[in-house]
Amino acid sequence: DQIMAAAKRMERVYENPDHEKVVERIENRGVQAYFYEDKTLV
């Protein structure tokens, strides 16, 4: 269940990188990463 939830979160990042639960992000020279309020880095 945790792996499936992680896979679905990863899919949602492609669909909506501006999700409201994203509290920090980096976009630097082609590198993107998103940090969620539950301390998950995607």
Full PDB file with SEQRES, HELIX, SHEET, SSBOND, CRYST1, ORIGX, SCALE, CONECT and MASTER records, all heavy atoms in Angstrom:
SEQRES   1 A   42  ASP GLN ILE MET ALA ALA ALA LYS ARG MET GLU ARG VAL          
SEQRES   2 A   42  TYR GLU ASN PRO ASP HIS GLU LYS VAL VAL GLU ARG ILE          
SEQRES   3 A   42  GLU ASN ARG GLY VAL GLN ALA TYR PHE TYR GLU ASP LYS          
SEQRES   4 A   42  THR LEU VAL                                                  
HELIX    1 AA1 GLN A    2  GLU A   15  1                                  14    
SHEET    1 AA1 2 VAL A  22  ASN A  28  0                                        
SHEET    2 AA1 2 VAL A  31  TYR A  36 -1                                        
CRYST1    1.000    1.000    1.000  90.00  90.00  90.00 P 1           1          
ORIGX1      1.000000  0.000000  0.000000        0.00000                         
ORIGX2      0.000000  1.000000  0.000000        0.00000                         
ORIGX3      0.000000  0.000000  1.000000        0.00000                         
SCALE1      1.000000  0.000000  0.000000        0.00000                         
SCALE2      0.000000  1.000000  0.000000        0.00000                         
SCALE3      0.000000  0.000000  1.000000        0.00000                         
ATOM      1  N   ASP A   1       0.823  -1.208   0.000  1.00  0.00           N  
ATOM      2  CA  ASP A   1       0.000   0.000   0.000  1.00  0.00           C  
ATOM      3  C   ASP A   1       0.860   1.262   0.000  1.00  0.00           C  
ATOM      4  O   ASP A   1       0.525   2.249  -0.663  1.00  0.00           O  
ATOM      5  CB  ASP A   1      -0.940   0.015   1.208  1.00  0.00           C  
ATOM      6  CG  ASP A   1      -2.057  -1.016   1.101  1.00  0.00           C  
ATOM      7  OD1 ASP A   1      -2.308  -1.502  -0.026  1.00  0.00           O  
ATOM      8  OD2 ASP A   1      -2.672  -1.347   2.132  1.00  0.00           O  
ATOM      9  N   GLN A   2       1.967   1.239   0.737  1.00  0.00           N  
ATOM     10  CA  GLN A   2       2.849   2.403   0.768  1.00  0.00           C  
ATOM     11  C   GLN A   2       3.528   2.628  -0.582  1.00  0.00           C  
ATOM     12  O   GLN A   2       3.686   3.772  -1.027  1.00  0.00           O  
ATOM     13  CB  GLN A   2       3.891   2.226   1.868  1.00  0.00           C  
ATOM     14  CG  GLN A   2       3.322   2.339   3.275  1.00  0.00           C  
ATOM     15  CD  GLN A   2       4.328   1.946   4.338  1.00  0.00           C  
ATOM     16  OE1 GLN A   2       5.131   1.021   4.142  1.00  0.00           O  
ATOM     17  NE2 GLN A   2       4.302   2.635   5.472  1.00  0.00           N  
ATOM     18  N   ILE A   3       3.944   1.538  -1.220  1.00  0.00           N  
ATOM     19  CA  ILE A   3       4.583   1.662  -2.532  1.00  0.00           C  
ATOM     20  C   ILE A   3       3.580   2.157  -3.566  1.00  0.00           C  
ATOM     21  O   ILE A   3       3.891   3.012  -4.406  1.00  0.00           O  
ATOM     22  CB  ILE A   3       5.207   0.323  -2.958  1.00  0.00           C  
ATOM     23  CG1 ILE A   3       6.330  -0.068  -1.988  1.00  0.00           C  
ATOM     24  CG2 ILE A   3       5.755   0.411  -4.382  1.00  0.00           C  
ATOM     25  CD1 ILE A   3       6.881  -1.453  -2.207  1.00  0.00           C  
ATOM     26  N   MET A   4       2.356   1.642  -3.516  1.00  0.00           N  
ATOM     27  CA  MET A   4       1.326   2.091  -4.443  1.00  0.00           C  
ATOM     28  C   MET A   4       1.005   3.565  -4.215  1.00  0.00           C  
ATOM     29  O   MET A   4       0.850   4.339  -5.173  1.00  0.00           O  
ATOM     30  CB  MET A   4       0.064   1.243  -4.283  1.00  0.00           C  
ATOM     31  CG  MET A   4      -1.084   1.668  -5.201  1.00  0.00           C  
ATOM     32  SD  MET A   4      -0.693   1.535  -6.972  1.00  0.00           S  
ATOM     33  CE  MET A   4      -0.893  -0.250  -7.190  1.00  0.00           C  
ATOM     34  N   ALA A   5       0.915   3.973  -2.953  1.00  0.00           N  
ATOM     35  CA  ALA A   5       0.645   5.381  -2.650  1.00  0.00           C  
ATOM     36  C   ALA A   5       1.772   6.267  -3.175  1.00  0.00           C  
ATOM     37  O   ALA A   5       1.524   7.365  -3.698  1.00  0.00           O  
ATOM     38  CB  ALA A   5       0.470   5.569  -1.145  1.00  0.00           C  
ATOM     39  N   ALA A   6       3.018   5.792  -3.048  1.00  0.00           N  
ATOM     40  CA  ALA A   6       4.156   6.551  -3.559  1.00  0.00           C  
ATOM     41  C   ALA A   6       4.092   6.666  -5.082  1.00  0.00           C  
ATOM     42  O   ALA A   6       4.385   7.728  -5.651  1.00  0.00           O  
ATOM     43  CB  ALA A   6       5.459   5.879  -3.130  1.00  0.00           C  
ATOM     44  N   ALA A   7       3.713   5.585  -5.751  1.00  0.00           N  
ATOM     45  CA  ALA A   7       3.607   5.604  -7.208  1.00  0.00           C  
ATOM     46  C   ALA A   7       2.533   6.590  -7.666  1.00  0.00           C  
ATOM     47  O   ALA A   7       2.730   7.347  -8.632  1.00  0.00           O  
ATOM     48  CB  ALA A   7       3.295   4.203  -7.726  1.00  0.00           C  
ATOM     49  N   LYS A   8       1.419   6.607  -6.973  1.00  0.00           N  
ATOM     50  CA  LYS A   8       0.337   7.522  -7.346  1.00  0.00           C  
ATOM     51  C   LYS A   8       0.725   8.972  -7.065  1.00  0.00           C  
ATOM     52  O   LYS A   8       0.364   9.873  -7.820  1.00  0.00           O  
ATOM     53  CB  LYS A   8      -0.940   7.135  -6.602  1.00  0.00           C  
ATOM     54  CG  LYS A   8      -1.538   5.818  -7.093  1.00  0.00           C  
ATOM     55  CD  LYS A   8      -2.816   5.469  -6.356  1.00  0.00           C  
ATOM     56  CE  LYS A   8      -3.427   4.182  -6.905  1.00  0.00           C  
ATOM     57  NZ  LYS A   8      -4.673   3.802  -6.179  1.00  0.00           N  
ATOM     58  N   ARG A   9       1.472   9.194  -5.989  1.00  0.00           N  
ATOM     59  CA  ARG A   9       1.950  10.559  -5.725  1.00  0.00           C  
ATOM     60  C   ARG A   9       2.897  11.000  -6.821  1.00  0.00           C  
ATOM     61  O   ARG A   9       2.854  12.148  -7.283  1.00  0.00           O  
ATOM     62  CB  ARG A   9       2.623  10.648  -4.367  1.00  0.00           C  
ATOM     63  CG  ARG A   9       3.237  12.017  -4.102  1.00  0.00           C  
ATOM     64  CD  ARG A   9       3.792  12.161  -2.705  1.00  0.00           C  
ATOM     65  NE  ARG A   9       2.738  12.339  -1.728  1.00  0.00           N  
ATOM     66  CZ  ARG A   9       2.951  12.714  -0.458  1.00  0.00           C  
ATOM     67  NH1 ARG A   9       4.192  12.934  -0.039  1.00  0.00           N  
ATOM     68  NH2 ARG A   9       1.965  12.849   0.383  1.00  0.00           N  
ATOM     69  N   MET A  10       3.777  10.093  -7.241  1.00  0.00           N  
ATOM     70  CA  MET A  10       4.710  10.422  -8.316  1.00  0.00           C  
ATOM     71  C   MET A  10       3.952  10.782  -9.586  1.00  0.00           C  
ATOM     72  O   MET A  10       4.292  11.751 -10.279  1.00  0.00           O  
ATOM     73  CB  MET A  10       5.615   9.204  -8.562  1.00  0.00           C  
ATOM     74  CG  MET A  10       6.766   9.425  -9.528  1.00  0.00           C  
ATOM     75  SD  MET A  10       8.153  10.344  -8.837  1.00  0.00           S  
ATOM     76  CE  MET A  10       7.948  11.912  -9.695  1.00  0.00           C  
ATOM     77  N   GLU A  11       2.911  10.034  -9.890  1.00  0.00           N  
ATOM     78  CA  GLU A  11       2.100  10.320 -11.068  1.00  0.00           C  
ATOM     79  C   GLU A  11       1.429  11.689 -10.951  1.00  0.00           C  
ATOM     80  O   GLU A  11       1.367  12.453 -11.925  1.00  0.00           O  
ATOM     81  CB  GLU A  11       1.048   9.228 -11.255  1.00  0.00           C  
ATOM     82  CG  GLU A  11       0.221   9.386 -12.529  1.00  0.00           C  
ATOM     83  CD  GLU A  11      -0.794   8.291 -12.699  1.00  0.00           C  
ATOM     84  OE1 GLU A  11      -1.451   7.917 -11.700  1.00  0.00           O  
ATOM     85  OE2 GLU A  11      -0.957   7.811 -13.834  1.00  0.00           O  
ATOM     86  N   ARG A  12       0.957  12.026  -9.758  1.00  0.00           N  
ATOM     87  CA  ARG A  12       0.285  13.316  -9.557  1.00  0.00           C  
ATOM     88  C   ARG A  12       1.244  14.490  -9.722  1.00  0.00           C  
ATOM     89  O   ARG A  12       0.838  15.580 -10.141  1.00  0.00           O  
ATOM     90  CB  ARG A  12      -0.373  13.366  -8.175  1.00  0.00           C  
ATOM     91  CG  ARG A  12      -1.621  12.510  -8.057  1.00  0.00           C  
ATOM     92  CD  ARG A  12      -2.426  12.867  -6.821  1.00  0.00           C  
ATOM     93  NE  ARG A  12      -1.684  12.667  -5.591  1.00  0.00           N  
ATOM     94  CZ  ARG A  12      -1.646  11.529  -4.910  1.00  0.00           C  
ATOM     95  NH1 ARG A  12      -2.325  10.469  -5.350  1.00  0.00           N  
ATOM     96  NH2 ARG A  12      -0.958  11.427  -3.786  1.00  0.00           N  
ATOM     97  N   VAL A  13       2.521  14.281  -9.392  1.00  0.00           N  
ATOM     98  CA  VAL A  13       3.505  15.351  -9.564  1.00  0.00           C  
ATOM     99  C   VAL A  13       3.614  15.746 -11.035  1.00  0.00           C  
ATOM    100  O   VAL A  13       3.736  16.931 -11.367  1.00  0.00           O  
ATOM    101  CB  VAL A  13       4.876  14.927  -8.998  1.00  0.00           C  
ATOM    102  CG1 VAL A  13       5.987  15.838  -9.511  1.00  0.00           C  
ATOM    103  CG2 VAL A  13       4.852  14.965  -7.482  1.00  0.00           C  
ATOM    104  N   TYR A  14       3.574  14.746 -11.927  1.00  0.00           N  
ATOM    105  CA  TYR A  14       3.613  15.062 -13.352  1.00  0.00           C  
ATOM    106  C   TYR A  14       2.349  15.804 -13.786  1.00  0.00           C  
ATOM    107  O   TYR A  14       2.399  16.687 -14.638  1.00  0.00           O  
ATOM    108  CB  TYR A  14       3.763  13.781 -14.170  1.00  0.00           C  
ATOM    109  CG  TYR A  14       5.139  13.161 -14.086  1.00  0.00           C  
ATOM    110  CD1 TYR A  14       5.326  11.916 -13.489  1.00  0.00           C  
ATOM    111  CD2 TYR A  14       6.252  13.816 -14.609  1.00  0.00           C  
ATOM    112  CE1 TYR A  14       6.588  11.355 -13.418  1.00  0.00           C  
ATOM    113  CE2 TYR A  14       7.516  13.257 -14.540  1.00  0.00           C  
ATOM    114  CZ  TYR A  14       7.679  12.023 -13.951  1.00  0.00           C  
ATOM    115  OH  TYR A  14       8.926  11.462 -13.876  1.00  0.00           O  
ATOM    116  N   GLU A  15       1.216  15.438 -13.193  1.00  0.00           N  
ATOM    117  CA  GLU A  15      -0.056  16.055 -13.566  1.00  0.00           C  
ATOM    118  C   GLU A  15      -0.201  17.450 -12.966  1.00  0.00           C  
ATOM    119  O   GLU A  15      -0.759  18.351 -13.599  1.00  0.00           O  
ATOM    120  CB  GLU A  15      -1.214  15.173 -13.110  1.00  0.00           C  
ATOM    121  CG  GLU A  15      -1.246  13.805 -13.797  1.00  0.00           C  
ATOM    122  CD  GLU A  15      -2.258  12.865 -13.180  1.00  0.00           C  
ATOM    123  OE1 GLU A  15      -2.801  13.211 -12.103  1.00  0.00           O  
ATOM    124  OE2 GLU A  15      -2.512  11.803 -13.764  1.00  0.00           O  
ATOM    125  N   ASN A  16       0.285  17.646 -11.733  1.00  0.00           N  
ATOM    126  CA  ASN A  16       0.093  18.908 -11.034  1.00  0.00           C  
ATOM    127  C   ASN A  16       1.259  19.187 -10.101  1.00  0.00           C  
ATOM    128  O   ASN A  16       1.185  18.952  -8.896  1.00  0.00           O  
ATOM    129  CB  ASN A  16      -1.222  18.879 -10.232  1.00  0.00           C  
ATOM    130  CG  ASN A  16      -1.474  20.189  -9.500  1.00  0.00           C  
ATOM    131  OD1 ASN A  16      -0.931  21.232  -9.870  1.00  0.00           O  
ATOM    132  ND2 ASN A  16      -2.285  20.137  -8.453  1.00  0.00           N  
ATOM    133  N   PRO A  17       2.366  19.713 -10.637  1.00  0.00           N  
ATOM    134  CA  PRO A  17       3.531  20.004  -9.780  1.00  0.00           C  
ATOM    135  C   PRO A  17       3.274  21.134  -8.783  1.00  0.00           C  
ATOM    136  O   PRO A  17       4.063  21.316  -7.847  1.00  0.00           O  
ATOM    137  CB  PRO A  17       4.619  20.394 -10.784  1.00  0.00           C  
ATOM    138  CG  PRO A  17       3.875  20.854 -11.992  1.00  0.00           C  
ATOM    139  CD  PRO A  17       2.623  20.029 -12.040  1.00  0.00           C  
ATOM    140  N   ASP A  18       2.194  21.880  -8.962  1.00  0.00           N  
ATOM    141  CA  ASP A  18       1.880  22.998  -8.075  1.00  0.00           C  
ATOM    142  C   ASP A  18       0.856  22.617  -7.009  1.00  0.00           C  
ATOM    143  O   ASP A  18       0.079  23.454  -6.545  1.00  0.00           O  
ATOM    144  CB  ASP A  18       1.355  24.190  -8.890  1.00  0.00           C  
ATOM    145  CG  ASP A  18       2.399  24.729  -9.844  1.00  0.00           C  
ATOM    146  OD1 ASP A  18       3.568  24.824  -9.433  1.00  0.00           O  
ATOM    147  OD2 ASP A  18       2.047  25.040 -10.991  1.00  0.00           O  
ATOM    148  N   HIS A  19       0.867  21.341  -6.623  1.00  0.00           N  
ATOM    149  CA  HIS A  19      -0.086  20.866  -5.615  1.00  0.00           C  
ATOM    150  C   HIS A  19       0.036  21.681  -4.332  1.00  0.00           C  
ATOM    151  O   HIS A  19       1.136  22.079  -3.929  1.00  0.00           O  
ATOM    152  CB  HIS A  19       0.178  19.384  -5.319  1.00  0.00           C  
ATOM    153  CG  HIS A  19      -0.929  18.710  -4.573  1.00  0.00           C  
ATOM    154  ND1 HIS A  19      -1.093  18.829  -3.219  1.00  0.00           N  
ATOM    155  CD2 HIS A  19      -1.939  17.914  -5.010  1.00  0.00           C  
ATOM    156  CE1 HIS A  19      -2.144  18.132  -2.833  1.00  0.00           C  
ATOM    157  NE2 HIS A  19      -2.681  17.572  -3.905  1.00  0.00           N  
ATOM    158  N   GLU A  20      -1.098  21.920  -3.686  1.00  0.00           N  
ATOM    159  CA  GLU A  20      -1.117  22.782  -2.499  1.00  0.00           C  
ATOM    160  C   GLU A  20      -0.306  22.231  -1.332  1.00  0.00           C  
ATOM    161  O   GLU A  20       0.105  22.990  -0.448  1.00  0.00           O  
ATOM    162  CB  GLU A  20      -2.567  23.008  -2.047  1.00  0.00           C  
ATOM    163  CG  GLU A  20      -3.299  21.734  -1.643  1.00  0.00           C  
ATOM    164  CD  GLU A  20      -4.745  21.988  -1.242  1.00  0.00           C  
ATOM    165  OE1 GLU A  20      -5.217  23.122  -1.431  1.00  0.00           O  
ATOM    166  OE2 GLU A  20      -5.385  21.046  -0.764  1.00  0.00           O  
ATOM    167  N   LYS A  21      -0.064  20.926  -1.322  1.00  0.00           N  
ATOM    168  CA  LYS A  21       0.696  20.350  -0.221  1.00  0.00           C  
ATOM    169  C   LYS A  21       2.208  20.401  -0.447  1.00  0.00           C  
ATOM    170  O   LYS A  21       2.976  19.953   0.400  1.00  0.00           O  
ATOM    171  CB  LYS A  21       0.245  18.908   0.039  1.00  0.00           C  
ATOM    172  CG  LYS A  21      -1.180  18.826   0.578  1.00  0.00           C  
ATOM    173  CD  LYS A  21      -1.560  17.408   0.952  1.00  0.00           C  
ATOM    174  CE  LYS A  21      -2.980  17.369   1.540  1.00  0.00           C  
ATOM    175  NZ  LYS A  21      -3.383  15.992   1.925  1.00  0.00           N  
ATOM    176  N   VAL A  22       2.629  20.923  -1.592  1.00  0.00           N  
ATOM    177  CA  VAL A  22       4.050  21.156  -1.837  1.00  0.00           C  
ATOM    178  C   VAL A  22       4.454  22.445  -1.127  1.00  0.00           C  
ATOM    179  O   VAL A  22       3.914  23.514  -1.413  1.00  0.00           O  
ATOM    180  CB  VAL A  22       4.344  21.270  -3.342  1.00  0.00           C  
ATOM    181  CG1 VAL A  22       5.802  21.663  -3.574  1.00  0.00           C  
ATOM    182  CG2 VAL A  22       4.038  19.953  -4.054  1.00  0.00           C  
ATOM    183  N   VAL A  23       5.381  22.339  -0.188  1.00  0.00           N  
ATOM    184  CA  VAL A  23       5.765  23.508   0.613  1.00  0.00           C  
ATOM    185  C   VAL A  23       7.107  24.105   0.189  1.00  0.00           C  
ATOM    186  O   VAL A  23       7.399  25.260   0.500  1.00  0.00           O  
ATOM    187  CB  VAL A  23       5.788  23.166   2.117  1.00  0.00           C  
ATOM    188  CG1 VAL A  23       4.382  22.822   2.597  1.00  0.00           C  
ATOM    189  CG2 VAL A  23       6.741  22.009   2.413  1.00  0.00           C  
ATOM    190  N   GLU A  24       7.938  23.309  -0.491  1.00  0.00           N  
ATOM    191  CA  GLU A  24       9.202  23.807  -1.010  1.00  0.00           C  
ATOM    192  C   GLU A  24       9.473  23.112  -2.338  1.00  0.00           C  
ATOM    193  O   GLU A  24       9.044  21.978  -2.555  1.00  0.00           O  
ATOM    194  CB  GLU A  24      10.369  23.524  -0.058  1.00  0.00           C  
ATOM    195  CG  GLU A  24      10.265  24.193   1.302  1.00  0.00           C  
ATOM    196  CD  GLU A  24      10.592  25.673   1.266  1.00  0.00           C  
ATOM    197  OE1 GLU A  24      11.102  26.126   0.213  1.00  0.00           O  
ATOM    198  OE2 GLU A  24      10.345  26.353   2.273  1.00  0.00           O  
ATOM    199  N   ARG A  25      10.175  23.786  -3.225  1.00  0.00           N  
ATOM    200  CA  ARG A  25      10.520  23.188  -4.512  1.00  0.00           C  
ATOM    201  C   ARG A  25      11.850  23.744  -4.997  1.00  0.00           C  
ATOM    202  O   ARG A  25      12.285  24.812  -4.559  1.00  0.00           O  
ATOM    203  CB  ARG A  25       9.430  23.437  -5.544  1.00  0.00           C  
ATOM    204  CG  ARG A  25       9.356  24.881  -6.030  1.00  0.00           C  
ATOM    205  CD  ARG A  25       8.113  25.107  -6.859  1.00  0.00           C  
ATOM    206  NE  ARG A  25       6.926  24.971  -6.047  1.00  0.00           N  
ATOM    207  CZ  ARG A  25       5.784  24.470  -6.462  1.00  0.00           C  
ATOM    208  NH1 ARG A  25       5.669  24.034  -7.698  1.00  0.00           N  
ATOM    209  NH2 ARG A  25       4.751  24.388  -5.663  1.00  0.00           N  
ATOM    210  N   ILE A  26      12.461  22.987  -5.903  1.00  0.00           N  
ATOM    211  CA  ILE A  26      13.668  23.483  -6.550  1.00  0.00           C  
ATOM    212  C   ILE A  26      13.514  23.268  -8.048  1.00  0.00           C  
ATOM    213  O   ILE A  26      13.039  22.221  -8.498  1.00  0.00           O  
ATOM    214  CB  ILE A  26      14.940  22.766  -6.023  1.00  0.00           C  
ATOM    215  CG1 ILE A  26      16.178  23.375  -6.669  1.00  0.00           C  
ATOM    216  CG2 ILE A  26      14.881  21.266  -6.251  1.00  0.00           C  
ATOM    217  CD1 ILE A  26      17.487  22.856  -6.103  1.00  0.00           C  
ATOM    218  N   GLU A  27      13.867  24.274  -8.822  1.00  0.00           N  
ATOM    219  CA  GLU A  27      13.935  24.189 -10.273  1.00  0.00           C  
ATOM    220  C   GLU A  27      15.204  24.913 -10.685  1.00  0.00           C  
ATOM    221  O   GLU A  27      15.251  26.136 -10.710  1.00  0.00           O  
ATOM    222  CB  GLU A  27      12.692  24.812 -10.914  1.00  0.00           C  
ATOM    223  CG  GLU A  27      11.406  24.061 -10.578  1.00  0.00           C  
ATOM    224  CD  GLU A  27      10.203  24.569 -11.354  1.00  0.00           C  
ATOM    225  OE1 GLU A  27      10.421  25.309 -12.342  1.00  0.00           O  
ATOM    226  OE2 GLU A  27       9.071  24.237 -10.979  1.00  0.00           O  
ATOM    227  N   ASN A  28      16.230  24.125 -10.950  1.00  0.00           N  
ATOM    228  CA  ASN A  28      17.556  24.696 -11.162  1.00  0.00           C  
ATOM    229  C   ASN A  28      18.286  23.920 -12.252  1.00  0.00           C  
ATOM    230  O   ASN A  28      18.606  22.746 -12.088  1.00  0.00           O  
ATOM    231  CB  ASN A  28      18.353  24.636  -9.842  1.00  0.00           C  
ATOM    232  CG  ASN A  28      19.731  25.242  -9.966  1.00  0.00           C  
ATOM    233  OD1 ASN A  28      20.021  25.965 -10.920  1.00  0.00           O  
ATOM    234  ND2 ASN A  28      20.595  24.955  -9.012  1.00  0.00           N  
ATOM    235  N   ARG A  29      18.507  24.566 -13.397  1.00  0.00           N  
ATOM    236  CA  ARG A  29      19.268  23.967 -14.507  1.00  0.00           C  
ATOM    237  C   ARG A  29      18.749  22.582 -14.876  1.00  0.00           C  
ATOM    238  O   ARG A  29      19.496  21.632 -15.040  1.00  0.00           O  
ATOM    239  CB  ARG A  29      20.756  23.890 -14.171  1.00  0.00           C  
ATOM    240  CG  ARG A  29      21.416  25.248 -13.983  1.00  0.00           C  
ATOM    241  CD  ARG A  29      22.929  25.161 -13.878  1.00  0.00           C  
ATOM    242  NE  ARG A  29      23.355  24.181 -12.911  1.00  0.00           N  
ATOM    243  CZ  ARG A  29      23.917  23.023 -13.231  1.00  0.00           C  
ATOM    244  NH1 ARG A  29      24.104  22.704 -14.485  1.00  0.00           N  
ATOM    245  NH2 ARG A  29      24.281  22.189 -12.293  1.00  0.00           N  
ATOM    246  N   GLY A  30      17.439  22.463 -15.027  1.00  0.00           N  
ATOM    247  CA  GLY A  30      16.839  21.209 -15.447  1.00  0.00           C  
ATOM    248  C   GLY A  30      16.555  20.228 -14.334  1.00  0.00           C  
ATOM    249  O   GLY A  30      16.054  19.136 -14.582  1.00  0.00           O  
ATOM    250  N   VAL A  31      16.877  20.577 -13.100  1.00  0.00           N  
ATOM    251  CA  VAL A  31      16.614  19.712 -11.950  1.00  0.00           C  
ATOM    252  C   VAL A  31      15.367  20.216 -11.227  1.00  0.00           C  
ATOM    253  O   VAL A  31      15.282  21.373 -10.851  1.00  0.00           O  
ATOM    254  CB  VAL A  31      17.807  19.716 -10.964  1.00  0.00           C  
ATOM    255  CG1 VAL A  31      17.497  18.832  -9.759  1.00  0.00           C  
ATOM    256  CG2 VAL A  31      19.073  19.251 -11.669  1.00  0.00           C  
ATOM    257  N   GLN A  32      14.399  19.320 -11.062  1.00  0.00           N  
ATOM    258  CA  GLN A  32      13.196  19.643 -10.297  1.00  0.00           C  
ATOM    259  C   GLN A  32      13.040  18.664  -9.136  1.00  0.00           C  
ATOM    260  O   GLN A  32      13.329  17.473  -9.282  1.00  0.00           O  
ATOM    261  CB  GLN A  32      11.936  19.577 -11.160  1.00  0.00           C  
ATOM    262  CG  GLN A  32      11.837  20.614 -12.263  1.00  0.00           C  
ATOM    263  CD  GLN A  32      12.508  20.169 -13.544  1.00  0.00           C  
ATOM    264  OE1 GLN A  32      12.537  18.999 -13.874  1.00  0.00           O  
ATOM    265  NE2 GLN A  32      13.061  21.120 -14.286  1.00  0.00           N  
ATOM    266  N   ALA A  33      12.600  19.170  -8.010  1.00  0.00           N  
ATOM    267  CA  ALA A  33      12.271  18.332  -6.857  1.00  0.00           C  
ATOM    268  C   ALA A  33      11.235  19.073  -6.024  1.00  0.00           C  
ATOM    269  O   ALA A  33      11.256  20.311  -5.949  1.00  0.00           O  
ATOM    270  CB  ALA A  33      13.508  18.015  -6.020  1.00  0.00           C  
ATOM    271  N   TYR A  34      10.343  18.296  -5.402  1.00  0.00           N  
ATOM    272  CA  TYR A  34       9.222  18.877  -4.669  1.00  0.00           C  
ATOM    273  C   TYR A  34       9.170  18.284  -3.262  1.00  0.00           C  
ATOM    274  O   TYR A  34       9.226  17.064  -3.097  1.00  0.00           O  
ATOM    275  CB  TYR A  34       7.916  18.602  -5.422  1.00  0.00           C  
ATOM    276  CG  TYR A  34       7.946  19.118  -6.836  1.00  0.00           C  
ATOM    277  CD1 TYR A  34       8.370  18.296  -7.892  1.00  0.00           C  
ATOM    278  CD2 TYR A  34       7.594  20.433  -7.129  1.00  0.00           C  
ATOM    279  CE1 TYR A  34       8.423  18.780  -9.190  1.00  0.00           C  
ATOM    280  CE2 TYR A  34       7.644  20.915  -8.430  1.00  0.00           C  
ATOM    281  CZ  TYR A  34       8.055  20.093  -9.453  1.00  0.00           C  
ATOM    282  OH  TYR A  34       8.123  20.567 -10.741  1.00  0.00           O  
ATOM    283  N   PHE A  35       9.054  19.164  -2.294  1.00  0.00           N  
ATOM    284  CA  PHE A  35       9.041  18.760  -0.891  1.00  0.00           C  
ATOM    285  C   PHE A  35       7.648  19.016  -0.324  1.00  0.00           C  
ATOM    286  O   PHE A  35       7.160  20.149  -0.332  1.00  0.00           O  
ATOM    287  CB  PHE A  35      10.088  19.546  -0.107  1.00  0.00           C  
ATOM    288  CG  PHE A  35      10.290  19.079   1.304  1.00  0.00           C  
ATOM    289  CD1 PHE A  35      10.937  17.882   1.577  1.00  0.00           C  
ATOM    290  CD2 PHE A  35       9.848  19.846   2.376  1.00  0.00           C  
ATOM    291  CE1 PHE A  35      11.139  17.451   2.875  1.00  0.00           C  
ATOM    292  CE2 PHE A  35      10.044  19.434   3.680  1.00  0.00           C  
ATOM    293  CZ  PHE A  35      10.688  18.230   3.933  1.00  0.00           C  
ATOM    294  N   TYR A  36       7.025  17.941   0.165  1.00  0.00           N  
ATOM    295  CA  TYR A  36       5.651  18.007   0.650  1.00  0.00           C  
ATOM    296  C   TYR A  36       5.613  18.264   2.161  1.00  0.00           C  
ATOM    297  O   TYR A  36       6.589  18.043   2.869  1.00  0.00           O  
ATOM    298  CB  TYR A  36       4.916  16.709   0.324  1.00  0.00           C  
ATOM    299  CG  TYR A  36       4.477  16.611  -1.117  1.00  0.00           C  
ATOM    300  CD1 TYR A  36       5.391  16.365  -2.129  1.00  0.00           C  
ATOM    301  CD2 TYR A  36       3.143  16.764  -1.473  1.00  0.00           C  
ATOM    302  CE1 TYR A  36       5.001  16.275  -3.457  1.00  0.00           C  
ATOM    303  CE2 TYR A  36       2.733  16.674  -2.799  1.00  0.00           C  
ATOM    304  CZ  TYR A  36       3.667  16.434  -3.781  1.00  0.00           C  
ATOM    305  OH  TYR A  36       3.275  16.347  -5.095  1.00  0.00           O  
ATOM    306  N   GLU A  37       4.454  18.678   2.623  1.00  0.00           N  
ATOM    307  CA  GLU A  37       4.293  19.012   4.033  1.00  0.00           C  
ATOM    308  C   GLU A  37       4.494  17.819   4.955  1.00  0.00           C  
ATOM    309  O   GLU A  37       4.783  17.994   6.138  1.00  0.00           O  
ATOM    310  CB  GLU A  37       2.929  19.652   4.283  1.00  0.00           C  
ATOM    311  CG  GLU A  37       1.744  18.769   3.957  1.00  0.00           C  
ATOM    312  CD  GLU A  37       0.415  19.507   4.130  1.00  0.00           C  
ATOM    313  OE1 GLU A  37       0.427  20.743   4.231  1.00  0.00           O  
ATOM    314  OE2 GLU A  37      -0.635  18.820   4.173  1.00  0.00           O  
ATOM    315  N   ASP A  38       4.354  16.595   4.428  1.00  0.00           N  
ATOM    316  CA  ASP A  38       4.617  15.411   5.259  1.00  0.00           C  
ATOM    317  C   ASP A  38       6.079  14.976   5.190  1.00  0.00           C  
ATOM    318  O   ASP A  38       6.425  13.871   5.603  1.00  0.00           O  
ATOM    319  CB  ASP A  38       3.696  14.258   4.857  1.00  0.00           C  
ATOM    320  CG  ASP A  38       3.953  13.752   3.436  1.00  0.00           C  
ATOM    321  OD1 ASP A  38       4.793  14.350   2.720  1.00  0.00           O  
ATOM    322  OD2 ASP A  38       3.312  12.767   3.029  1.00  0.00           O  
ATOM    323  N   LYS A  39       6.948  15.870   4.644  1.00  0.00           N  
ATOM    324  CA  LYS A  39       8.401  15.660   4.573  1.00  0.00           C  
ATOM    325  C   LYS A  39       8.802  14.566   3.572  1.00  0.00           C  
ATOM    326  O   LYS A  39       9.819  13.900   3.730  1.00  0.00           O  
ATOM    327  CB  LYS A  39       8.993  15.358   5.954  1.00  0.00           C  
ATOM    328  CG  LYS A  39       8.852  16.512   6.940  1.00  0.00           C  
ATOM    329  CD  LYS A  39       9.602  16.247   8.233  1.00  0.00           C  
ATOM    330  CE  LYS A  39       9.483  17.408   9.194  1.00  0.00           C  
ATOM    331  NZ  LYS A  39      10.057  18.663   8.642  1.00  0.00           N  
ATOM    332  N   THR A  40       7.986  14.406   2.540  1.00  0.00           N  
ATOM    333  CA  THR A  40       8.342  13.527   1.428  1.00  0.00           C  
ATOM    334  C   THR A  40       8.951  14.353   0.309  1.00  0.00           C  
ATOM    335  O   THR A  40       8.394  15.380  -0.086  1.00  0.00           O  
ATOM    336  CB  THR A  40       7.104  12.787   0.893  1.00  0.00           C  
ATOM    337  OG1 THR A  40       6.544  11.977   1.928  1.00  0.00           O  
ATOM    338  CG2 THR A  40       7.473  11.884  -0.282  1.00  0.00           C  
ATOM    339  N   LEU A  41      10.087  13.909  -0.192  1.00  0.00           N  
ATOM    340  CA  LEU A  41      10.754  14.564  -1.310  1.00  0.00           C  
ATOM    341  C   LEU A  41      10.468  13.760  -2.580  1.00  0.00           C  
ATOM    342  O   LEU A  41      10.723  12.560  -2.624  1.00  0.00           O  
ATOM    343  CB  LEU A  41      12.259  14.634  -1.071  1.00  0.00           C  
ATOM    344  CG  LEU A  41      13.096  15.288  -2.184  1.00  0.00           C  
ATOM    345  CD1 LEU A  41      12.794  16.782  -2.272  1.00  0.00           C  
ATOM    346  CD2 LEU A  41      14.585  15.045  -1.943  1.00  0.00           C  
ATOM    347  N   VAL A  42       9.942  14.423  -3.608  1.00  0.00           N  
ATOM    348  CA  VAL A  42       9.585  13.757  -4.863  1.00  0.00           C  
ATOM    349  C   VAL A  42      10.439  14.333  -5.987  1.00  0.00           C  
ATOM    350  O   VAL A  42      10.484  15.556  -6.181  1.00  0.00           O  
ATOM    351  CB  VAL A  42       8.086  13.934  -5.172  1.00  0.00           C  
ATOM    352  CG1 VAL A  42       7.724  13.211  -6.471  1.00  0.00           C  
ATOM    353  CG2 VAL A  42       7.234  13.390  -4.025  1.00  0.00           C  
TER     354      VAL A  42                                                      
MASTER        0    0    0    1    2    0    0    6  353    1    0    4          
END                                                                             
